[in-house]
C-alpha atoms as a PDB file:
ATOM      1  CA  MET A   1      17.095 -24.844  43.016  1.00  0.00           C
ATOM      2  CA  ILE A   2      20.483 -23.150  43.131  1.00  0.00           C
ATOM      3  CA  ILE A   3      22.507 -22.608  39.955  1.00  0.00           C
ATOM      4  CA  VAL A   4      26.166 -21.638  40.016  1.00  0.00           C
ATOM      5  CA  HIS A   5      28.033 -20.411  36.947  1.00  0.00           C
ATOM      6  CA  GLY A   6      31.775 -19.861  36.998  1.00  0.00           C
ATOM      7  CA  THR A   7      34.481 -18.759  34.588  1.00  0.00           C
ATOM      8  CA  PHE A   8      38.029 -20.047  35.059  1.00  0.00           C
ATOM      9  CA  PRO A   9      40.881 -18.536  32.987  1.00  0.00           C
ATOM     10  CA  ILE A  10      43.494 -21.272  32.605  1.00  0.00           C
ATOM     11  CA  ARG A  11      47.205 -21.007  31.798  1.00  0.00           C
ATOM     12  CA  SER A  12      47.745 -22.586  28.377  1.00  0.00           C
ATOM     13  CA  GLU A  13      50.899 -24.464  29.394  1.00  0.00           C
ATOM     14  CA  VAL A  14      49.002 -26.410  32.092  1.00  0.00           C
ATOM     15  CA  ARG A  15      45.664 -26.695  30.288  1.00  0.00           C
ATOM     16  CA  ASP A  16      45.701 -30.518  30.341  1.00  0.00           C
ATOM     17  CA  ASP A  17      46.374 -30.485  34.087  1.00  0.00           C
ATOM     18  CA  ALA A  18      43.512 -28.031  34.589  1.00  0.00           C
ATOM     19  CA  ILE A  19      41.116 -30.207  32.612  1.00  0.00           C
ATOM     20  CA  SER A  20      42.140 -33.271  34.648  1.00  0.00           C
ATOM     21  CA  LEU A  21      41.581 -31.312  37.858  1.00  0.00           C
ATOM     22  CA  MET A  22      38.133 -30.231  36.659  1.00  0.00           C
ATOM     23  CA  ARG A  23      37.220 -33.813  35.653  1.00  0.00           C
ATOM     24  CA  GLU A  24      38.098 -35.052  39.136  1.00  0.00           C
ATOM     25  CA  MET A  25      35.926 -32.348  40.653  1.00  0.00           C
ATOM     26  CA  VAL A  26      33.011 -33.240  38.369  1.00  0.00           C
ATOM     27  CA  MET A  27      33.143 -36.933  39.271  1.00  0.00           C
ATOM     28  CA  ALA A  28      33.349 -36.279  43.009  1.00  0.00           C
ATOM     29  CA  SER A  29      30.674 -33.565  43.023  1.00  0.00           C
ATOM     30  CA  ARG A  30      28.086 -35.473  41.010  1.00  0.00           C
ATOM     31  CA  SER A  31      27.907 -38.119  43.736  1.00  0.00           C
ATOM     32  CA  GLU A  32      27.032 -35.583  46.431  1.00  0.00           C
ATOM     33  CA  HIS A  33      23.591 -35.428  47.991  1.00  0.00           C
ATOM     34  CA  GLY A  34      21.566 -32.655  46.364  1.00  0.00           C
ATOM     35  CA  CYS A  35      23.688 -32.332  43.217  1.00  0.00           C
ATOM     36  CA  VAL A  36      21.420 -32.078  40.172  1.00  0.00           C
ATOM     37  CA  SER A  37      24.208 -31.410  37.648  1.00  0.00           C
ATOM     38  CA  TYR A  38      27.858 -30.434  37.657  1.00  0.00           C
ATOM     39  CA  GLU A  39      29.926 -29.807  34.513  1.00  0.00           C
ATOM     40  CA  PHE A  40      32.810 -27.808  33.113  1.00  0.00           C
ATOM     41  CA  TYR A  41      32.853 -26.641  29.488  1.00  0.00           C
ATOM     42  CA  VAL A  42      35.561 -25.221  27.235  1.00  0.00           C
ATOM     43  CA  GLY A  43      34.885 -21.699  26.002  1.00  0.00           C
ATOM     44  CA  LEU A  44      34.378 -21.476  22.238  1.00  0.00           C
ATOM     45  CA  THR A  45      36.047 -18.086  21.873  1.00  0.00           C
ATOM     46  CA  ASP A  46      38.935 -18.951  24.208  1.00  0.00           C
ATOM     47  CA  PRO A  47      39.889 -22.607  24.767  1.00  0.00           C
ATOM     48  CA  ASN A  48      41.823 -21.519  27.863  1.00  0.00           C
ATOM     49  CA  THR A  49      38.637 -20.421  29.575  1.00  0.00           C
ATOM     50  CA  LEU A  50      36.710 -23.166  31.330  1.00  0.00           C
ATOM     51  CA  LEU A  51      33.099 -22.563  32.288  1.00  0.00           C
ATOM     52  CA  LEU A  52      31.454 -24.209  35.279  1.00  0.00           C
ATOM     53  CA  PHE A  53      27.724 -24.902  35.418  1.00  0.00           C
ATOM     54  CA  GLN A  54      26.255 -26.600  38.473  1.00  0.00           C
ATOM     55  CA  GLU A  55      22.749 -27.100  39.857  1.00  0.00           C
ATOM     56  CA  TRP A  56      21.858 -27.962  43.438  1.00  0.00           C
ATOM     57  CA  GLU A  57      18.537 -28.890  45.048  1.00  0.00           C
ATOM     58  CA  SER A  58      19.032 -26.351  47.850  1.00  0.00           C
ATOM     59  CA  VAL A  59      21.341 -23.825  49.469  1.00  0.00           C
ATOM     60  CA  GLU A  60      22.071 -26.439  52.144  1.00  0.00           C
ATOM     61  CA  ALA A  61      23.226 -28.943  49.510  1.00  0.00           C
ATOM     62  CA  LEU A  62      25.508 -26.314  47.962  1.00  0.00           C
ATOM     63  CA  GLN A  63      26.900 -25.406  51.384  1.00  0.00           C
ATOM     64  CA  GLY A  64      27.621 -29.088  52.016  1.00  0.00           C
ATOM     65  CA  HIS A  65      29.514 -29.171  48.702  1.00  0.00           C
ATOM     66  CA  TYR A  66      31.735 -26.317  49.877  1.00  0.00           C
ATOM     67  CA  GLU A  67      32.633 -28.333  52.987  1.00  0.00           C
ATOM     68  CA  THR A  68      33.804 -31.521  51.225  1.00  0.00           C
ATOM     69  CA  ASP A  69      37.360 -32.821  51.140  1.00  0.00           C
ATOM     70  CA  HIS A  70      37.370 -32.786  47.343  1.00  0.00           C
ATOM     71  CA  MET A  71      36.473 -29.082  47.351  1.00  0.00           C
ATOM     72  CA  GLU A  72      39.359 -28.412  49.721  1.00  0.00           C
ATOM     73  CA  ASP A  73      41.728 -30.369  47.453  1.00  0.00           C
ATOM     74  CA  PHE A  74      40.402 -28.567  44.374  1.00  0.00           C
ATOM     75  CA  LEU A  75      40.916 -25.134  45.928  1.00  0.00           C
ATOM     76  CA  LYS A  76      44.482 -26.041  46.937  1.00  0.00           C
ATOM     77  CA  ALA A  77      45.391 -27.175  43.387  1.00  0.00           C
ATOM     78  CA  LEU A  78      43.538 -24.424  41.528  1.00  0.00           C
ATOM     79  CA  PRO A  79      46.114 -21.590  41.852  1.00  0.00           C
ATOM     80  CA  GLU A  80      48.652 -23.695  39.929  1.00  0.00           C
ATOM     81  CA  VAL A  81      46.471 -23.689  36.780  1.00  0.00           C
ATOM     82  CA  LEU A  82      44.772 -20.287  36.889  1.00  0.00           C
ATOM     83  CA  ASP A  83      45.660 -17.354  34.681  1.00  0.00           C
ATOM     84  CA  GLY A  84      43.617 -14.627  36.317  1.00  0.00           C
ATOM     85  CA  GLU A  85      40.561 -14.160  38.458  1.00  0.00           C
ATOM     86  CA  ILE A  86      37.700 -16.640  38.752  1.00  0.00           C
ATOM     87  CA  SER A  87      34.271 -15.154  38.193  1.00  0.00           C
ATOM     88  CA  THR A  88      31.241 -16.835  39.766  1.00  0.00           C
ATOM     89  CA  ARG A  89      27.547 -16.095  39.994  1.00  0.00           C
ATOM     90  CA  ARG A  90      24.911 -17.886  42.017  1.00  0.00           C
ATOM     91  CA  TYR A  91      21.235 -17.890  41.141  1.00  0.00           C
ATOM     92  CA  GLU A  92      18.287 -19.106  43.159  1.00  0.00           C
ATOM     93  CA  VAL A  93      15.377 -20.294  41.055  1.00  0.00           C
ATOM     94  CA  CYS A  94      12.101 -20.195  42.949  1.00  0.00           C
ATOM     95  CA  SER A  95       8.685 -21.246  41.808  1.00  0.00           C
ATOM     96  CA  SER A  96       5.339 -20.645  43.470  1.00  0.00           C
ATOM     97  CA  GLN A  97       2.258 -22.123  41.929  1.00  0.00           C
ATOM     98  CA  ASP A  98      -1.189 -20.645  41.540  1.00  0.00           C
ATOM     99  CA  ASP A  99      -3.799 -23.094  42.926  1.00  0.00           C
ATOM    100  CA  GLU A 100      -5.865 -22.760  39.750  1.00  0.00           C
ATOM    101  CA  LEU A 101      -3.013 -23.899  37.472  1.00  0.00           C
ATOM    102  CA  ASP A 102      -1.257 -27.228  37.378  1.00  0.00           C
ATOM    103  CA  GLU A 103       2.544 -27.311  37.228  1.00  0.00           C
ATOM    104  CA  GLU A 104       2.737 -27.940  33.475  1.00  0.00           C
ATOM    105  CA  ASP A 105       0.449 -25.009  32.628  1.00  0.00           C
ATOM    106  CA  ASP A 106       2.420 -22.721  34.943  1.00  0.00           C
ATOM    107  CA  LEU A 107       5.744 -23.615  33.357  1.00  0.00           C
ATOM    108  CA  MET A 108       4.365 -23.340  29.829  1.00  0.00           C
ATOM    109  CA  ALA A 109       3.127 -19.781  30.335  1.00  0.00           C
ATOM    110  CA  PRO A 110       5.350 -17.090  28.790  1.00  0.00           C
ATOM    111  CA  PRO A 111       7.737 -15.620  31.388  1.00  0.00           C
ATOM    112  CA  SER A 112       6.133 -12.177  31.159  1.00  0.00           C
ATOM    113  CA  THR A 113       2.645 -13.347  32.145  1.00  0.00           C
ATOM    114  CA  PRO A 114       1.203 -13.336  35.679  1.00  0.00           C
ATOM    115  CA  GLU A 115       0.700 -17.109  35.428  1.00  0.00           C
ATOM    116  CA  ARG A 116       4.441 -17.672  35.286  1.00  0.00           C
ATOM    117  CA  LYS A 117       5.730 -17.518  38.872  1.00  0.00           C
ATOM    118  CA  ASP A 118       9.409 -18.400  38.388  1.00  0.00           C
ATOM    119  CA  ARG A 119      11.924 -15.950  39.788  1.00  0.00           C
ATOM    120  CA  ILE A 120      15.649 -15.811  39.357  1.00  0.00           C
ATOM    121  CA  ILE A 121      17.535 -14.119  42.166  1.00  0.00           C
ATOM    122  CA  HIS A 122      21.150 -13.132  41.604  1.00  0.00           C
END
């Protein structure tokens, strides 16, 4: 699974436009093959900072997202609402299972134990 987190500083005078733009992106992206979740959130400490959280089944699904028409439209409109630099991070969550453990036992093990095989790669 691929997780993408982004931070978007928004100009206060066009905040409503920015939120509408983000809503359009959410609706279009959620229908894409391989999209697990896609959502923007308003920052609690700064309502002019929008946070993006998205999950994809694979790197290929995420790459397909980058190649959509709605992504192209979003990127064209984005400079009009931004008030600074976008910050993004991508994480790959991998899991390998021990043959002696079933999936539920593996996921229930504390992260610091050898039984827990999840890795997060930034």
